[in-house]
Amino acid sequence: MALIGWIVSFIGLFAGLALRQDMPIGGSDMIATLLIALSVLACPMVWRGKPLGISRGQRIVAALIMIVALPLVLLPAG
């Protein structure tokens, strides 16, 4: 589970930083912020133990839910 956390953390961090660098589409600032938040949620080193009562598995599942829900953010409104 920790390996999945590291992989998701690095992917989210690098994707968020790359998107913040380019900003190709409208709303990409929000998506970049969400990706960086995803990297913090999934990073096993930052969350050793249970500082807020949230286990490592729960954080990684929340990060995976954010990845799966990302296309919903990209849908046009209206």
PDB file of N, CA and C in Angstrom:
ATOM      1  N   MET A   1       0.816  -1.186   0.000  1.00  0.00           N
ATOM      2  CA  MET A   1       0.000   0.000   0.000  1.00  0.00           C
ATOM      3  C   MET A   1       0.865   1.258   0.000  1.00  0.00           C
ATOM      4  N   ALA A   2       2.015   1.183   0.681  1.00  0.00           N
ATOM      5  CA  ALA A   2       2.906   2.342   0.711  1.00  0.00           C
ATOM      6  C   ALA A   2       3.497   2.619  -0.669  1.00  0.00           C
ATOM      7  N   LEU A   3       3.789   1.561  -1.425  1.00  0.00           N
ATOM      8  CA  LEU A   3       4.321   1.753  -2.775  1.00  0.00           C
ATOM      9  C   LEU A   3       3.302   2.457  -3.663  1.00  0.00           C
ATOM     10  N   ILE A   4       2.037   2.077  -3.551  1.00  0.00           N
ATOM     11  CA  ILE A   4       0.988   2.754  -4.309  1.00  0.00           C
ATOM     12  C   ILE A   4       0.906   4.214  -3.882  1.00  0.00           C
ATOM     13  N   GLY A   5       1.052   4.465  -2.584  1.00  0.00           N
ATOM     14  CA  GLY A   5       1.044   5.837  -2.086  1.00  0.00           C
ATOM     15  C   GLY A   5       2.165   6.678  -2.664  1.00  0.00           C
ATOM     16  N   TRP A   6       3.376   6.099  -2.711  1.00  0.00           N
ATOM     17  CA  TRP A   6       4.505   6.839  -3.297  1.00  0.00           C
ATOM     18  C   TRP A   6       4.287   7.107  -4.781  1.00  0.00           C
ATOM     19  N   ILE A   7       3.800   6.110  -5.505  1.00  0.00           N
ATOM     20  CA  ILE A   7       3.584   6.279  -6.948  1.00  0.00           C
ATOM     21  C   ILE A   7       2.542   7.361  -7.203  1.00  0.00           C
ATOM     22  N   VAL A   8       1.406   7.283  -6.513  1.00  0.00           N
ATOM     23  CA  VAL A   8       0.347   8.276  -6.695  1.00  0.00           C
ATOM     24  C   VAL A   8       0.833   9.658  -6.258  1.00  0.00           C
ATOM     25  N   SER A   9       1.630   9.719  -5.200  1.00  0.00           N
ATOM     26  CA  SER A   9       2.141  10.997  -4.716  1.00  0.00           C
ATOM     27  C   SER A   9       3.046  11.664  -5.745  1.00  0.00           C
ATOM     28  N   PHE A  10       3.968  10.909  -6.306  1.00  0.00           N
ATOM     29  CA  PHE A  10       4.866  11.487  -7.304  1.00  0.00           C
ATOM     30  C   PHE A  10       4.123  11.871  -8.578  1.00  0.00           C
ATOM     31  N   ILE A  11       3.193  11.040  -9.008  1.00  0.00           N
ATOM     32  CA  ILE A  11       2.419  11.364 -10.209  1.00  0.00           C
ATOM     33  C   ILE A  11       1.624  12.643  -9.990  1.00  0.00           C
ATOM     34  N   GLY A  12       0.947  12.745  -8.849  1.00  0.00           N
ATOM     35  CA  GLY A  12       0.163  13.944  -8.559  1.00  0.00           C
ATOM     36  C   GLY A  12       1.017  15.193  -8.452  1.00  0.00           C
ATOM     37  N   LEU A  13       2.167  15.071  -7.796  1.00  0.00           N
ATOM     38  CA  LEU A  13       3.053  16.228  -7.642  1.00  0.00           C
ATOM     39  C   LEU A  13       3.588  16.707  -8.983  1.00  0.00           C
ATOM     40  N   PHE A  14       4.121  15.789  -9.776  1.00  0.00           N
ATOM     41  CA  PHE A  14       4.694  16.194 -11.058  1.00  0.00           C
ATOM     42  C   PHE A  14       3.631  16.674 -12.029  1.00  0.00           C
ATOM     43  N   ALA A  15       2.453  16.047 -12.018  1.00  0.00           N
ATOM     44  CA  ALA A  15       1.375  16.493 -12.906  1.00  0.00           C
ATOM     45  C   ALA A  15       0.879  17.878 -12.488  1.00  0.00           C
ATOM     46  N   GLY A  16       0.740  18.109 -11.177  1.00  0.00           N
ATOM     47  CA  GLY A  16       0.302  19.421 -10.707  1.00  0.00           C
ATOM     48  C   GLY A  16       1.305  20.515 -11.022  1.00  0.00           C
ATOM     49  N   LEU A  17       2.591  20.223 -10.828  1.00  0.00           N
ATOM     50  CA  LEU A  17       3.614  21.222 -11.140  1.00  0.00           C
ATOM     51  C   LEU A  17       3.697  21.496 -12.635  1.00  0.00           C
ATOM     52  N   ALA A  18       3.565  20.458 -13.461  1.00  0.00           N
ATOM     53  CA  ALA A  18       3.606  20.654 -14.915  1.00  0.00           C
ATOM     54  C   ALA A  18       2.393  21.448 -15.386  1.00  0.00           C
ATOM     55  N   LEU A  19       1.229  21.161 -14.835  1.00  0.00           N
ATOM     56  CA  LEU A  19       0.027  21.881 -15.226  1.00  0.00           C
ATOM     57  C   LEU A  19       0.092  23.337 -14.766  1.00  0.00           C
ATOM     58  N   ARG A  20       0.649  23.574 -13.585  1.00  0.00           N
ATOM     59  CA  ARG A  20       0.788  24.945 -13.087  1.00  0.00           C
ATOM     60  C   ARG A  20       1.793  25.722 -13.955  1.00  0.00           C
ATOM     61  N   GLN A  21       2.770  25.036 -14.503  1.00  0.00           N
ATOM     62  CA  GLN A  21       3.763  25.686 -15.363  1.00  0.00           C
ATOM     63  C   GLN A  21       3.160  26.104 -16.698  1.00  0.00           C
ATOM     64  N   ASP A  22       2.320  25.232 -17.307  1.00  0.00           N
ATOM     65  CA  ASP A  22       1.800  25.488 -18.650  1.00  0.00           C
ATOM     66  C   ASP A  22       0.480  26.249 -18.649  1.00  0.00           C
ATOM     67  N   MET A  23      -0.490  25.860 -17.808  1.00  0.00           N
ATOM     68  CA  MET A  23      -1.824  26.452 -17.756  1.00  0.00           C
ATOM     69  C   MET A  23      -2.480  26.521 -19.140  1.00  0.00           C
ATOM     70  N   PRO A  24      -2.666  25.378 -19.810  1.00  0.00           N
ATOM     71  CA  PRO A  24      -3.166  25.407 -21.186  1.00  0.00           C
ATOM     72  C   PRO A  24      -4.668  25.697 -21.316  1.00  0.00           C
ATOM     73  N   ILE A  25      -5.497  25.317 -20.343  1.00  0.00           N
ATOM     74  CA  ILE A  25      -6.944  25.466 -20.482  1.00  0.00           C
ATOM     75  C   ILE A  25      -7.505  26.215 -19.288  1.00  0.00           C
ATOM     76  N   GLY A  26      -8.732  26.710 -19.429  1.00  0.00           N
ATOM     77  CA  GLY A  26      -9.395  27.381 -18.324  1.00  0.00           C
ATOM     78  C   GLY A  26      -9.685  26.406 -17.202  1.00  0.00           C
ATOM     79  N   GLY A  27      -9.497  26.842 -15.979  1.00  0.00           N
ATOM     80  CA  GLY A  27      -9.716  25.983 -14.827  1.00  0.00           C
ATOM     81  C   GLY A  27      -8.540  25.095 -14.486  1.00  0.00           C
ATOM     82  N   SER A  28      -7.446  25.238 -15.208  1.00  0.00           N
ATOM     83  CA  SER A  28      -6.301  24.362 -14.944  1.00  0.00           C
ATOM     84  C   SER A  28      -5.613  24.715 -13.626  1.00  0.00           C
ATOM     85  N   ASP A  29      -5.801  25.942 -13.137  1.00  0.00           N
ATOM     86  CA  ASP A  29      -5.231  26.311 -11.849  1.00  0.00           C
ATOM     87  C   ASP A  29      -5.874  25.487 -10.732  1.00  0.00           C
ATOM     88  N   MET A  30      -7.192  25.289 -10.814  1.00  0.00           N
ATOM     89  CA  MET A  30      -7.893  24.492  -9.811  1.00  0.00           C
ATOM     90  C   MET A  30      -7.461  23.029  -9.894  1.00  0.00           C
ATOM     91  N   ILE A  31      -7.319  22.509 -11.092  1.00  0.00           N
ATOM     92  CA  ILE A  31      -6.912  21.121 -11.271  1.00  0.00           C
ATOM     93  C   ILE A  31      -5.487  20.920 -10.771  1.00  0.00           C
ATOM     94  N   ALA A  32      -4.598  21.890 -11.030  1.00  0.00           N
ATOM     95  CA  ALA A  32      -3.218  21.791 -10.540  1.00  0.00           C
ATOM     96  C   ALA A  32      -3.185  21.783  -9.017  1.00  0.00           C
ATOM     97  N   THR A  33      -4.018  22.611  -8.389  1.00  0.00           N
ATOM     98  CA  THR A  33      -4.084  22.636  -6.928  1.00  0.00           C
ATOM     99  C   THR A  33      -4.608  21.315  -6.386  1.00  0.00           C
ATOM    100  N   LEU A  34      -5.618  20.742  -7.046  1.00  0.00           N
ATOM    101  CA  LEU A  34      -6.151  19.443  -6.621  1.00  0.00           C
ATOM    102  C   LEU A  34      -5.106  18.339  -6.764  1.00  0.00           C
ATOM    103  N   LEU A  35      -4.317  18.376  -7.818  1.00  0.00           N
ATOM    104  CA  LEU A  35      -3.280  17.361  -8.007  1.00  0.00           C
ATOM    105  C   LEU A  35      -2.180  17.479  -6.946  1.00  0.00           C
ATOM    106  N   ILE A  36      -1.832  18.693  -6.569  1.00  0.00           N
ATOM    107  CA  ILE A  36      -0.828  18.865  -5.520  1.00  0.00           C
ATOM    108  C   ILE A  36      -1.397  18.413  -4.174  1.00  0.00           C
ATOM    109  N   ALA A  37      -2.686  18.683  -3.934  1.00  0.00           N
ATOM    110  CA  ALA A  37      -3.334  18.187  -2.716  1.00  0.00           C
ATOM    111  C   ALA A  37      -3.377  16.664  -2.704  1.00  0.00           C
ATOM    112  N   LEU A  38      -3.596  16.071  -3.866  1.00  0.00           N
ATOM    113  CA  LEU A  38      -3.578  14.616  -3.988  1.00  0.00           C
ATOM    114  C   LEU A  38      -2.208  14.060  -3.616  1.00  0.00           C
ATOM    115  N   SER A  39      -1.148  14.745  -4.021  1.00  0.00           N
ATOM    116  CA  SER A  39       0.192  14.259  -3.693  1.00  0.00           C
ATOM    117  C   SER A  39       0.457  14.330  -2.189  1.00  0.00           C
ATOM    118  N   VAL A  40      -0.095  15.336  -1.517  1.00  0.00           N
ATOM    119  CA  VAL A  40       0.065  15.419  -0.064  1.00  0.00           C
ATOM    120  C   VAL A  40      -0.756  14.334   0.623  1.00  0.00           C
ATOM    121  N   LEU A  41      -1.963  14.079   0.113  1.00  0.00           N
ATOM    122  CA  LEU A  41      -2.805  13.037   0.696  1.00  0.00           C
ATOM    123  C   LEU A  41      -2.175  11.656   0.593  1.00  0.00           C
ATOM    124  N   ALA A  42      -1.491  11.398  -0.492  1.00  0.00           N
ATOM    125  CA  ALA A  42      -0.984  10.051  -0.743  1.00  0.00           C
ATOM    126  C   ALA A  42       0.435   9.821  -0.230  1.00  0.00           C
ATOM    127  N   CYS A  43       1.147  10.860   0.164  1.00  0.00           N
ATOM    128  CA  CYS A  43       2.546  10.714   0.555  1.00  0.00           C
ATOM    129  C   CYS A  43       2.672   9.989   1.902  1.00  0.00           C
ATOM    130  N   PRO A  44       3.256   8.805   1.924  1.00  0.00           N
ATOM    131  CA  PRO A  44       3.390   8.058   3.182  1.00  0.00           C
ATOM    132  C   PRO A  44       4.357   8.694   4.172  1.00  0.00           C
ATOM    133  N   MET A  45       5.352   9.428   3.701  1.00  0.00           N
ATOM    134  CA  MET A  45       6.341  10.001   4.600  1.00  0.00           C
ATOM    135  C   MET A  45       5.744  11.130   5.448  1.00  0.00           C
ATOM    136  N   VAL A  46       4.878  11.934   4.860  1.00  0.00           N
ATOM    137  CA  VAL A  46       4.279  13.056   5.571  1.00  0.00           C
ATOM    138  C   VAL A  46       3.316  12.574   6.650  1.00  0.00           C
ATOM    139  N   TRP A  47       2.614  11.492   6.384  1.00  0.00           N
ATOM    140  CA  TRP A  47       1.542  11.029   7.251  1.00  0.00           C
ATOM    141  C   TRP A  47       1.924   9.775   8.023  1.00  0.00           C
ATOM    142  N   ARG A  48       3.127   9.715   8.583  1.00  0.00           N
ATOM    143  CA  ARG A  48       3.497   8.548   9.399  1.00  0.00           C
ATOM    144  C   ARG A  48       2.581   8.440  10.585  1.00  0.00           C
ATOM    145  N   GLY A  49       2.137   7.258  10.845  1.00  0.00           N
ATOM    146  CA  GLY A  49       1.195   7.062  11.945  1.00  0.00           C
ATOM    147  C   GLY A  49      -0.189   7.530  11.549  1.00  0.00           C
ATOM    148  N   LYS A  50      -0.965   7.977  12.522  1.00  0.00           N
ATOM    149  CA  LYS A  50      -2.306   8.495  12.278  1.00  0.00           C
ATOM    150  C   LYS A  50      -2.449   9.867  12.950  1.00  0.00           C
ATOM    151  N   PRO A  51      -1.882  10.922  12.349  1.00  0.00           N
ATOM    152  CA  PRO A  51      -1.921  12.216  13.025  1.00  0.00           C
ATOM    153  C   PRO A  51      -3.330  12.792  13.183  1.00  0.00           C
ATOM    154  N   LEU A  52      -4.218  12.550  12.254  1.00  0.00           N
ATOM    155  CA  LEU A  52      -5.579  13.069  12.334  1.00  0.00           C
ATOM    156  C   LEU A  52      -6.601  11.948  12.485  1.00  0.00           C
ATOM    157  N   GLY A  53      -6.143  10.754  12.835  1.00  0.00           N
ATOM    158  CA  GLY A  53      -7.039   9.618  12.943  1.00  0.00           C
ATOM    159  C   GLY A  53      -7.376   8.995  11.601  1.00  0.00           C
ATOM    160  N   ILE A  54      -6.643   9.376  10.562  1.00  0.00           N
ATOM    161  CA  ILE A  54      -6.886   8.856   9.218  1.00  0.00           C
ATOM    162  C   ILE A  54      -5.766   7.880   8.895  1.00  0.00           C
ATOM    163  N   SER A  55      -6.138   6.673   8.533  1.00  0.00           N
ATOM    164  CA  SER A  55      -5.115   5.670   8.232  1.00  0.00           C
ATOM    165  C   SER A  55      -4.529   5.894   6.845  1.00  0.00           C
ATOM    166  N   ARG A  56      -3.425   5.248   6.587  1.00  0.00           N
ATOM    167  CA  ARG A  56      -2.758   5.354   5.289  1.00  0.00           C
ATOM    168  C   ARG A  56      -3.650   4.835   4.176  1.00  0.00           C
ATOM    169  N   GLY A  57      -4.330   3.722   4.420  1.00  0.00           N
ATOM    170  CA  GLY A  57      -5.220   3.157   3.406  1.00  0.00           C
ATOM    171  C   GLY A  57      -6.354   4.097   3.051  1.00  0.00           C
ATOM    172  N   GLN A  58      -6.928   4.776   4.043  1.00  0.00           N
ATOM    173  CA  GLN A  58      -8.011   5.721   3.784  1.00  0.00           C
ATOM    174  C   GLN A  58      -7.529   6.905   2.955  1.00  0.00           C
ATOM    175  N   ARG A  59      -6.319   7.388   3.220  1.00  0.00           N
ATOM    176  CA  ARG A  59      -5.786   8.498   2.433  1.00  0.00           C
ATOM    177  C   ARG A  59      -5.529   8.083   0.997  1.00  0.00           C
ATOM    178  N   ILE A  60      -4.985   6.890   0.802  1.00  0.00           N
ATOM    179  CA  ILE A  60      -4.690   6.433  -0.554  1.00  0.00           C
ATOM    180  C   ILE A  60      -5.974   6.193  -1.330  1.00  0.00           C
ATOM    181  N   VAL A  61      -6.999   5.653  -0.674  1.00  0.00           N
ATOM    182  CA  VAL A  61      -8.291   5.466  -1.335  1.00  0.00           C
ATOM    183  C   VAL A  61      -8.894   6.824  -1.700  1.00  0.00           C
ATOM    184  N   ALA A  62      -8.775   7.816  -0.826  1.00  0.00           N
ATOM    185  CA  ALA A  62      -9.269   9.158  -1.147  1.00  0.00           C
ATOM    186  C   ALA A  62      -8.521   9.746  -2.337  1.00  0.00           C
ATOM    187  N   ALA A  63      -7.225   9.508  -2.421  1.00  0.00           N
ATOM    188  CA  ALA A  63      -6.450   9.993  -3.559  1.00  0.00           C
ATOM    189  C   ALA A  63      -6.876   9.291  -4.843  1.00  0.00           C
ATOM    190  N   LEU A  64      -7.121   7.995  -4.784  1.00  0.00           N
ATOM    191  CA  LEU A  64      -7.581   7.281  -5.974  1.00  0.00           C
ATOM    192  C   LEU A  64      -8.971   7.746  -6.401  1.00  0.00           C
ATOM    193  N   ILE A  65      -9.834   8.066  -5.441  1.00  0.00           N
ATOM    194  CA  ILE A  65     -11.152   8.613  -5.773  1.00  0.00           C
ATOM    195  C   ILE A  65     -11.002   9.960  -6.469  1.00  0.00           C
ATOM    196  N   MET A  66     -10.052  10.783  -6.015  1.00  0.00           N
ATOM    197  CA  MET A  66      -9.810  12.065  -6.674  1.00  0.00           C
ATOM    198  C   MET A  66      -9.343  11.859  -8.110  1.00  0.00           C
ATOM    199  N   ILE A  67      -8.532  10.844  -8.349  1.00  0.00           N
ATOM    200  CA  ILE A  67      -8.063  10.573  -9.709  1.00  0.00           C
ATOM    201  C   ILE A  67      -9.227  10.138 -10.593  1.00  0.00           C
ATOM    202  N   VAL A  68     -10.063   9.252 -10.073  1.00  0.00           N
ATOM    203  CA  VAL A  68     -11.185   8.740 -10.861  1.00  0.00           C
ATOM    204  C   VAL A  68     -12.218   9.841 -11.118  1.00  0.00           C
ATOM    205  N   ALA A  69     -12.401  10.766 -10.174  1.00  0.00           N
ATOM    206  CA  ALA A  69     -13.392  11.830 -10.316  1.00  0.00           C
ATOM    207  C   ALA A  69     -12.880  13.015 -11.132  1.00  0.00           C
ATOM    208  N   LEU A  70     -11.633  13.027 -11.518  1.00  0.00           N
ATOM    209  CA  LEU A  70     -11.077  14.148 -12.268  1.00  0.00           C
ATOM    210  C   LEU A  70     -11.815  14.427 -13.576  1.00  0.00           C
ATOM    211  N   PRO A  71     -12.254  13.430 -14.345  1.00  0.00           N
ATOM    212  CA  PRO A  71     -13.018  13.747 -15.565  1.00  0.00           C
ATOM    213  C   PRO A  71     -14.314  14.511 -15.284  1.00  0.00           C
ATOM    214  N   LEU A  72     -14.912  14.332 -14.104  1.00  0.00           N
ATOM    215  CA  LEU A  72     -16.122  15.088 -13.757  1.00  0.00           C
ATOM    216  C   LEU A  72     -15.819  16.575 -13.609  1.00  0.00           C
ATOM    217  N   VAL A  73     -14.617  16.899 -13.151  1.00  0.00           N
ATOM    218  CA  VAL A  73     -14.223  18.314 -13.030  1.00  0.00           C
ATOM    219  C   VAL A  73     -14.053  18.925 -14.410  1.00  0.00           C
ATOM    220  N   LEU A  74     -13.613  18.127 -15.363  1.00  0.00           N
ATOM    221  CA  LEU A  74     -13.342  18.630 -16.700  1.00  0.00           C
ATOM    222  C   LEU A  74     -14.582  18.759 -17.580  1.00  0.00           C
ATOM    223  N   LEU A  75     -15.730  18.214 -17.144  1.00  0.00           N
ATOM    224  CA  LEU A  75     -16.958  18.318 -17.932  1.00  0.00           C
ATOM    225  C   LEU A  75     -17.404  19.781 -18.009  1.00  0.00           C
ATOM    226  N   PRO A  76     -17.897  20.185 -19.170  1.00  0.00           N
ATOM    227  CA  PRO A  76     -18.370  21.580 -19.278  1.00  0.00           C
ATOM    228  C   PRO A  76     -19.642  21.782 -18.470  1.00  0.00           C
ATOM    229  N   ALA A  77     -19.753  22.918 -17.818  1.00  0.00           N
ATOM    230  CA  ALA A  77     -20.937  23.227 -17.007  1.00  0.00           C
ATOM    231  C   ALA A  77     -22.074  23.666 -17.914  1.00  0.00           C
ATOM    232  N   GLY A  78     -23.264  23.237 -17.565  1.00  0.00           N
ATOM    233  CA  GLY A  78     -24.445  23.707 -18.294  1.00  0.00           C
ATOM    234  C   GLY A  78     -24.894  22.763 -19.257  1.00  0.00           C
TER     235      GLY A  78
END
